[in-house]
Amino acid sequence: MKFRQTLFWDTDPKKIDVKKNAQYIIERIADFGNDKEARWALDFYNKALLKKVIAKSRSLRPRTKTLWTMLLKN
């Protein structure tokens, strides 16, 4: 996946490691990503990791947390 600079405004998207920086990527995509990026995250990362990051994140907006919690149910 080629990440948008506007999604990762504080770093060089080319230097992001999708494994090592999983929490950072998931949080950014959850809060600011578009449909394509959200679909990529849902397909790329396992559901357990997504649930864990969303539940424990202190940086996500409350509405984002609610939406992603509902998306990841079941």
PDB file of N, CA and C in Angstrom:
ATOM      1  N   MET A   1       0.849  -1.189   0.000  1.00  0.00           N
ATOM      2  CA  MET A   1       0.000   0.000   0.000  1.00  0.00           C
ATOM      3  C   MET A   1       0.886   1.240   0.000  1.00  0.00           C
ATOM      4  N   LYS A   2       0.568   2.152  -0.860  1.00  0.00           N
ATOM      5  CA  LYS A   2       1.267   3.436  -0.883  1.00  0.00           C
ATOM      6  C   LYS A   2       0.447   4.411  -0.044  1.00  0.00           C
ATOM      7  N   PHE A   3       1.039   4.872   1.056  1.00  0.00           N
ATOM      8  CA  PHE A   3       0.324   5.748   1.967  1.00  0.00           C
ATOM      9  C   PHE A   3       0.376   7.200   1.513  1.00  0.00           C
ATOM     10  N   ARG A   4      -0.714   7.915   1.736  1.00  0.00           N
ATOM     11  CA  ARG A   4      -0.780   9.338   1.392  1.00  0.00           C
ATOM     12  C   ARG A   4       0.021  10.166   2.391  1.00  0.00           C
ATOM     13  N   GLN A   5       0.698  11.175   1.899  1.00  0.00           N
ATOM     14  CA  GLN A   5       1.447  12.092   2.756  1.00  0.00           C
ATOM     15  C   GLN A   5       0.504  12.812   3.713  1.00  0.00           C
ATOM     16  N   THR A   6      -0.703  13.127   3.266  1.00  0.00           N
ATOM     17  CA  THR A   6      -1.653  13.834   4.130  1.00  0.00           C
ATOM     18  C   THR A   6      -2.129  12.970   5.293  1.00  0.00           C
ATOM     19  N   LEU A   7      -2.059  11.659   5.144  1.00  0.00           N
ATOM     20  CA  LEU A   7      -2.449  10.751   6.226  1.00  0.00           C
ATOM     21  C   LEU A   7      -1.335  10.643   7.263  1.00  0.00           C
ATOM     22  N   PHE A   8      -0.105  10.693   6.800  1.00  0.00           N
ATOM     23  CA  PHE A   8       1.068  10.600   7.678  1.00  0.00           C
ATOM     24  C   PHE A   8       1.889  11.875   7.528  1.00  0.00           C
ATOM     25  N   TRP A   9       1.271  12.987   7.913  1.00  0.00           N
ATOM     26  CA  TRP A   9       1.868  14.308   7.735  1.00  0.00           C
ATOM     27  C   TRP A   9       3.133  14.522   8.557  1.00  0.00           C
ATOM     28  N   ASP A  10       3.318  13.755   9.611  1.00  0.00           N
ATOM     29  CA  ASP A  10       4.441  13.981  10.518  1.00  0.00           C
ATOM     30  C   ASP A  10       5.636  13.074  10.257  1.00  0.00           C
ATOM     31  N   THR A  11       5.585  12.294   9.195  1.00  0.00           N
ATOM     32  CA  THR A  11       6.684  11.386   8.866  1.00  0.00           C
ATOM     33  C   THR A  11       6.703  11.115   7.371  1.00  0.00           C
ATOM     34  N   ASP A  12       7.749  10.479   6.905  1.00  0.00           N
ATOM     35  CA  ASP A  12       7.848  10.102   5.496  1.00  0.00           C
ATOM     36  C   ASP A  12       7.119   8.768   5.311  1.00  0.00           C
ATOM     37  N   PRO A  13       6.010   8.759   4.568  1.00  0.00           N
ATOM     38  CA  PRO A  13       5.244   7.521   4.395  1.00  0.00           C
ATOM     39  C   PRO A  13       6.055   6.364   3.817  1.00  0.00           C
ATOM     40  N   LYS A  14       7.103   6.670   3.074  1.00  0.00           N
ATOM     41  CA  LYS A  14       7.922   5.619   2.468  1.00  0.00           C
ATOM     42  C   LYS A  14       8.749   4.864   3.505  1.00  0.00           C
ATOM     43  N   LYS A  15       8.939   5.473   4.670  1.00  0.00           N
ATOM     44  CA  LYS A  15       9.772   4.854   5.705  1.00  0.00           C
ATOM     45  C   LYS A  15       8.956   4.101   6.757  1.00  0.00           C
ATOM     46  N   ILE A  16       7.664   4.030   6.581  1.00  0.00           N
ATOM     47  CA  ILE A  16       6.803   3.355   7.549  1.00  0.00           C
ATOM     48  C   ILE A  16       6.846   1.846   7.307  1.00  0.00           C
ATOM     49  N   ASP A  17       7.110   1.097   8.365  1.00  0.00           N
ATOM     50  CA  ASP A  17       7.117  -0.361   8.306  1.00  0.00           C
ATOM     51  C   ASP A  17       5.745  -0.854   8.759  1.00  0.00           C
ATOM     52  N   VAL A  18       5.029  -1.578   7.882  1.00  0.00           N
ATOM     53  CA  VAL A  18       3.654  -1.983   8.185  1.00  0.00           C
ATOM     54  C   VAL A  18       3.549  -2.962   9.351  1.00  0.00           C
ATOM     55  N   LYS A  19       4.615  -3.656   9.656  1.00  0.00           N
ATOM     56  CA  LYS A  19       4.623  -4.579  10.805  1.00  0.00           C
ATOM     57  C   LYS A  19       5.017  -3.837  12.081  1.00  0.00           C
ATOM     58  N   LYS A  20       6.163  -3.178  12.062  1.00  0.00           N
ATOM     59  CA  LYS A  20       6.667  -2.494  13.258  1.00  0.00           C
ATOM     60  C   LYS A  20       5.790  -1.318  13.681  1.00  0.00           C
ATOM     61  N   ASN A  21       5.199  -0.645  12.731  1.00  0.00           N
ATOM     62  CA  ASN A  21       4.402   0.550  13.014  1.00  0.00           C
ATOM     63  C   ASN A  21       2.903   0.289  12.891  1.00  0.00           C
ATOM     64  N   ALA A  22       2.497  -0.928  13.156  1.00  0.00           N
ATOM     65  CA  ALA A  22       1.093  -1.323  12.985  1.00  0.00           C
ATOM     66  C   ALA A  22       0.138  -0.446  13.786  1.00  0.00           C
ATOM     67  N   GLN A  23       0.434  -0.201  15.054  1.00  0.00           N
ATOM     68  CA  GLN A  23      -0.478   0.597  15.874  1.00  0.00           C
ATOM     69  C   GLN A  23      -0.618   2.009  15.297  1.00  0.00           C
ATOM     70  N   TYR A  24       0.481   2.609  14.937  1.00  0.00           N
ATOM     71  CA  TYR A  24       0.484   3.953  14.359  1.00  0.00           C
ATOM     72  C   TYR A  24      -0.358   3.989  13.079  1.00  0.00           C
ATOM     73  N   ILE A  25      -0.164   3.018  12.218  1.00  0.00           N
ATOM     74  CA  ILE A  25      -0.890   2.957  10.948  1.00  0.00           C
ATOM     75  C   ILE A  25      -2.381   2.748  11.183  1.00  0.00           C
ATOM     76  N   ILE A  26      -2.712   1.810  12.035  1.00  0.00           N
ATOM     77  CA  ILE A  26      -4.122   1.509  12.309  1.00  0.00           C
ATOM     78  C   ILE A  26      -4.832   2.734  12.889  1.00  0.00           C
ATOM     79  N   GLU A  27      -4.195   3.408  13.829  1.00  0.00           N
ATOM     80  CA  GLU A  27      -4.814   4.595  14.425  1.00  0.00           C
ATOM     81  C   GLU A  27      -5.027   5.697  13.394  1.00  0.00           C
ATOM     82  N   ARG A  28      -4.046   5.943  12.566  1.00  0.00           N
ATOM     83  CA  ARG A  28      -4.178   6.996  11.548  1.00  0.00           C
ATOM     84  C   ARG A  28      -5.264   6.651  10.539  1.00  0.00           C
ATOM     85  N   ILE A  29      -5.259   5.414  10.068  1.00  0.00           N
ATOM     86  CA  ILE A  29      -6.268   5.009   9.084  1.00  0.00           C
ATOM     87  C   ILE A  29      -7.659   5.049   9.712  1.00  0.00           C
ATOM     88  N   ALA A  30      -7.780   4.585  10.954  1.00  0.00           N
ATOM     89  CA  ALA A  30      -9.086   4.594  11.622  1.00  0.00           C
ATOM     90  C   ALA A  30      -9.619   6.014  11.749  1.00  0.00           C
ATOM     91  N   ASP A  31      -8.774   6.946  12.127  1.00  0.00           N
ATOM     92  CA  ASP A  31      -9.218   8.322  12.360  1.00  0.00           C
ATOM     93  C   ASP A  31      -9.311   9.167  11.085  1.00  0.00           C
ATOM     94  N   PHE A  32      -8.380   8.993  10.174  1.00  0.00           N
ATOM     95  CA  PHE A  32      -8.293   9.914   9.033  1.00  0.00           C
ATOM     96  C   PHE A  32      -8.273   9.249   7.655  1.00  0.00           C
ATOM     97  N   GLY A  33      -8.320   7.932   7.617  1.00  0.00           N
ATOM     98  CA  GLY A  33      -8.208   7.229   6.340  1.00  0.00           C
ATOM     99  C   GLY A  33      -9.474   7.291   5.507  1.00  0.00           C
ATOM    100  N   ASN A  34      -9.286   7.039   4.215  1.00  0.00           N
ATOM    101  CA  ASN A  34     -10.436   6.973   3.313  1.00  0.00           C
ATOM    102  C   ASN A  34     -10.915   5.516   3.215  1.00  0.00           C
ATOM    103  N   ASP A  35     -11.920   5.266   2.403  1.00  0.00           N
ATOM    104  CA  ASP A  35     -12.490   3.917   2.290  1.00  0.00           C
ATOM    105  C   ASP A  35     -11.452   2.893   1.824  1.00  0.00           C
ATOM    106  N   LYS A  36     -10.638   3.278   0.855  1.00  0.00           N
ATOM    107  CA  LYS A  36      -9.626   2.366   0.316  1.00  0.00           C
ATOM    108  C   LYS A  36      -8.610   1.978   1.399  1.00  0.00           C
ATOM    109  N   GLU A  37      -8.185   2.942   2.181  1.00  0.00           N
ATOM    110  CA  GLU A  37      -7.211   2.683   3.247  1.00  0.00           C
ATOM    111  C   GLU A  37      -7.821   1.843   4.368  1.00  0.00           C
ATOM    112  N   ALA A  38      -9.072   2.117   4.690  1.00  0.00           N
ATOM    113  CA  ALA A  38      -9.756   1.328   5.723  1.00  0.00           C
ATOM    114  C   ALA A  38      -9.902  -0.125   5.269  1.00  0.00           C
ATOM    115  N   ARG A  39     -10.267  -0.322   4.021  1.00  0.00           N
ATOM    116  CA  ARG A  39     -10.408  -1.684   3.476  1.00  0.00           C
ATOM    117  C   ARG A  39      -9.055  -2.398   3.506  1.00  0.00           C
ATOM    118  N   TRP A  40      -7.990  -1.681   3.148  1.00  0.00           N
ATOM    119  CA  TRP A  40      -6.656  -2.271   3.183  1.00  0.00           C
ATOM    120  C   TRP A  40      -6.303  -2.724   4.600  1.00  0.00           C
ATOM    121  N   ALA A  41      -6.552  -1.869   5.589  1.00  0.00           N
ATOM    122  CA  ALA A  41      -6.241  -2.214   6.982  1.00  0.00           C
ATOM    123  C   ALA A  41      -7.038  -3.434   7.425  1.00  0.00           C
ATOM    124  N   LEU A  42      -8.310  -3.482   7.061  1.00  0.00           N
ATOM    125  CA  LEU A  42      -9.147  -4.629   7.430  1.00  0.00           C
ATOM    126  C   LEU A  42      -8.664  -5.914   6.773  1.00  0.00           C
ATOM    127  N   ASP A  43      -8.150  -5.815   5.568  1.00  0.00           N
ATOM    128  CA  ASP A  43      -7.648  -6.995   4.855  1.00  0.00           C
ATOM    129  C   ASP A  43      -6.240  -7.382   5.294  1.00  0.00           C
ATOM    130  N   PHE A  44      -5.412  -6.407   5.615  1.00  0.00           N
ATOM    131  CA  PHE A  44      -3.999  -6.667   5.900  1.00  0.00           C
ATOM    132  C   PHE A  44      -3.767  -7.139   7.329  1.00  0.00           C
ATOM    133  N   TYR A  45      -4.368  -6.454   8.300  1.00  0.00           N
ATOM    134  CA  TYR A  45      -4.142  -6.783   9.710  1.00  0.00           C
ATOM    135  C   TYR A  45      -5.211  -7.751  10.205  1.00  0.00           C
ATOM    136  N   ASN A  46      -4.809  -8.654  11.107  1.00  0.00           N
ATOM    137  CA  ASN A  46      -5.812  -9.589  11.623  1.00  0.00           C
ATOM    138  C   ASN A  46      -6.755  -8.858  12.574  1.00  0.00           C
ATOM    139  N   LYS A  47      -7.940  -9.416  12.682  1.00  0.00           N
ATOM    140  CA  LYS A  47      -9.020  -8.787  13.440  1.00  0.00           C
ATOM    141  C   LYS A  47      -8.654  -8.589  14.913  1.00  0.00           C
ATOM    142  N   ALA A  48      -7.949  -9.547  15.490  1.00  0.00           N
ATOM    143  CA  ALA A  48      -7.566  -9.454  16.902  1.00  0.00           C
ATOM    144  C   ALA A  48      -6.668  -8.242  17.140  1.00  0.00           C
ATOM    145  N   LEU A  49      -5.707  -8.007  16.255  1.00  0.00           N
ATOM    146  CA  LEU A  49      -4.822  -6.856  16.385  1.00  0.00           C
ATOM    147  C   LEU A  49      -5.606  -5.556  16.229  1.00  0.00           C
ATOM    148  N   LEU A  50      -6.472  -5.495  15.243  1.00  0.00           N
ATOM    149  CA  LEU A  50      -7.283  -4.303  15.032  1.00  0.00           C
ATOM    150  C   LEU A  50      -8.125  -3.994  16.275  1.00  0.00           C
ATOM    151  N   LYS A  51      -8.789  -5.006  16.807  1.00  0.00           N
ATOM    152  CA  LYS A  51      -9.610  -4.819  18.012  1.00  0.00           C
ATOM    153  C   LYS A  51      -8.773  -4.314  19.180  1.00  0.00           C
ATOM    154  N   LYS A  52      -7.588  -4.897  19.360  1.00  0.00           N
ATOM    155  CA  LYS A  52      -6.720  -4.523  20.461  1.00  0.00           C
ATOM    156  C   LYS A  52      -6.276  -3.061  20.337  1.00  0.00           C
ATOM    157  N   VAL A  53      -5.838  -2.673  19.156  1.00  0.00           N
ATOM    158  CA  VAL A  53      -5.371  -1.302  18.939  1.00  0.00           C
ATOM    159  C   VAL A  53      -6.515  -0.308  19.152  1.00  0.00           C
ATOM    160  N   ILE A  54      -7.677  -0.596  18.587  1.00  0.00           N
ATOM    161  CA  ILE A  54      -8.822   0.313  18.720  1.00  0.00           C
ATOM    162  C   ILE A  54      -9.245   0.436  20.184  1.00  0.00           C
ATOM    163  N   ALA A  55      -9.312  -0.681  20.888  1.00  0.00           N
ATOM    164  CA  ALA A  55      -9.757  -0.671  22.285  1.00  0.00           C
ATOM    165  C   ALA A  55      -8.790   0.063  23.206  1.00  0.00           C
ATOM    166  N   LYS A  56      -7.491  -0.090  22.971  1.00  0.00           N
ATOM    167  CA  LYS A  56      -6.495   0.476  23.880  1.00  0.00           C
ATOM    168  C   LYS A  56      -5.981   1.859  23.476  1.00  0.00           C
ATOM    169  N   SER A  57      -6.340   2.307  22.290  1.00  0.00           N
ATOM    170  CA  SER A  57      -5.826   3.584  21.800  1.00  0.00           C
ATOM    171  C   SER A  57      -6.296   4.752  22.661  1.00  0.00           C
ATOM    172  N   ARG A  58      -5.348   5.631  22.963  1.00  0.00           N
ATOM    173  CA  ARG A  58      -5.669   6.844  23.713  1.00  0.00           C
ATOM    174  C   ARG A  58      -5.719   8.049  22.791  1.00  0.00           C
ATOM    175  N   SER A  59      -5.434   7.840  21.507  1.00  0.00           N
ATOM    176  CA  SER A  59      -5.402   8.974  20.586  1.00  0.00           C
ATOM    177  C   SER A  59      -6.612   9.039  19.650  1.00  0.00           C
ATOM    178  N   LEU A  60      -7.383   7.972  19.566  1.00  0.00           N
ATOM    179  CA  LEU A  60      -8.537   7.976  18.664  1.00  0.00           C
ATOM    180  C   LEU A  60      -9.674   8.811  19.232  1.00  0.00           C
ATOM    181  N   ARG A  61     -10.383   9.451  18.339  1.00  0.00           N
ATOM    182  CA  ARG A  61     -11.566  10.209  18.753  1.00  0.00           C
ATOM    183  C   ARG A  61     -12.649   9.225  19.199  1.00  0.00           C
ATOM    184  N   PRO A  62     -13.498   9.611  20.149  1.00  0.00           N
ATOM    185  CA  PRO A  62     -14.540   8.697  20.648  1.00  0.00           C
ATOM    186  C   PRO A  62     -15.454   8.147  19.549  1.00  0.00           C
ATOM    187  N   ARG A  63     -15.837   8.979  18.605  1.00  0.00           N
ATOM    188  CA  ARG A  63     -16.705   8.506  17.510  1.00  0.00           C
ATOM    189  C   ARG A  63     -15.995   7.481  16.637  1.00  0.00           C
ATOM    190  N   THR A  64     -14.715   7.684  16.434  1.00  0.00           N
ATOM    191  CA  THR A  64     -13.926   6.734  15.649  1.00  0.00           C
ATOM    192  C   THR A  64     -13.883   5.390  16.361  1.00  0.00           C
ATOM    193  N   LYS A  65     -13.625   5.425  17.660  1.00  0.00           N
ATOM    194  CA  LYS A  65     -13.586   4.185  18.448  1.00  0.00           C
ATOM    195  C   LYS A  65     -14.905   3.434  18.354  1.00  0.00           C
ATOM    196  N   THR A  66     -16.002   4.160  18.483  1.00  0.00           N
ATOM    197  CA  THR A  66     -17.327   3.540  18.423  1.00  0.00           C
ATOM    198  C   THR A  66     -17.562   2.902  17.061  1.00  0.00           C
ATOM    199  N   LEU A  67     -17.263   3.631  16.002  1.00  0.00           N
ATOM    200  CA  LEU A  67     -17.463   3.112  14.648  1.00  0.00           C
ATOM    201  C   LEU A  67     -16.643   1.847  14.420  1.00  0.00           C
ATOM    202  N   TRP A  68     -15.348   1.890  14.728  1.00  0.00           N
ATOM    203  CA  TRP A  68     -14.485   0.742  14.471  1.00  0.00           C
ATOM    204  C   TRP A  68     -14.821  -0.443  15.381  1.00  0.00           C
ATOM    205  N   THR A  69     -15.273  -0.172  16.583  1.00  0.00           N
ATOM    206  CA  THR A  69     -15.709  -1.257  17.466  1.00  0.00           C
ATOM    207  C   THR A  69     -16.897  -1.962  16.853  1.00  0.00           C
ATOM    208  N   MET A  70     -17.819  -1.207  16.286  1.00  0.00           N
ATOM    209  CA  MET A  70     -18.974  -1.809  15.619  1.00  0.00           C
ATOM    210  C   MET A  70     -18.556  -2.567  14.356  1.00  0.00           C
ATOM    211  N   LEU A  71     -17.636  -2.015  13.596  1.00  0.00           N
ATOM    212  CA  LEU A  71     -17.158  -2.674  12.373  1.00  0.00           C
ATOM    213  C   LEU A  71     -16.478  -4.005  12.667  1.00  0.00           C
ATOM    214  N   LEU A  72     -15.810  -4.081  13.809  1.00  0.00           N
ATOM    215  CA  LEU A  72     -15.017  -5.272  14.143  1.00  0.00           C
ATOM    216  C   LEU A  72     -15.779  -6.279  14.995  1.00  0.00           C
ATOM    217  N   LYS A  73     -17.054  -6.021  15.246  1.00  0.00           N
ATOM    218  CA  LYS A  73     -17.863  -6.980  16.013  1.00  0.00           C
ATOM    219  C   LYS A  73     -17.982  -8.279  15.240  1.00  0.00           C
ATOM    220  N   ASN A  74     -18.012  -9.380  15.977  1.00  0.00           N
ATOM    221  CA  ASN A  74     -18.135 -10.750  15.417  1.00  0.00           C
ATOM    222  C   ASN A  74     -16.837 -11.206  14.899  1.00  0.00           C
TER     223      ASN A  74
END
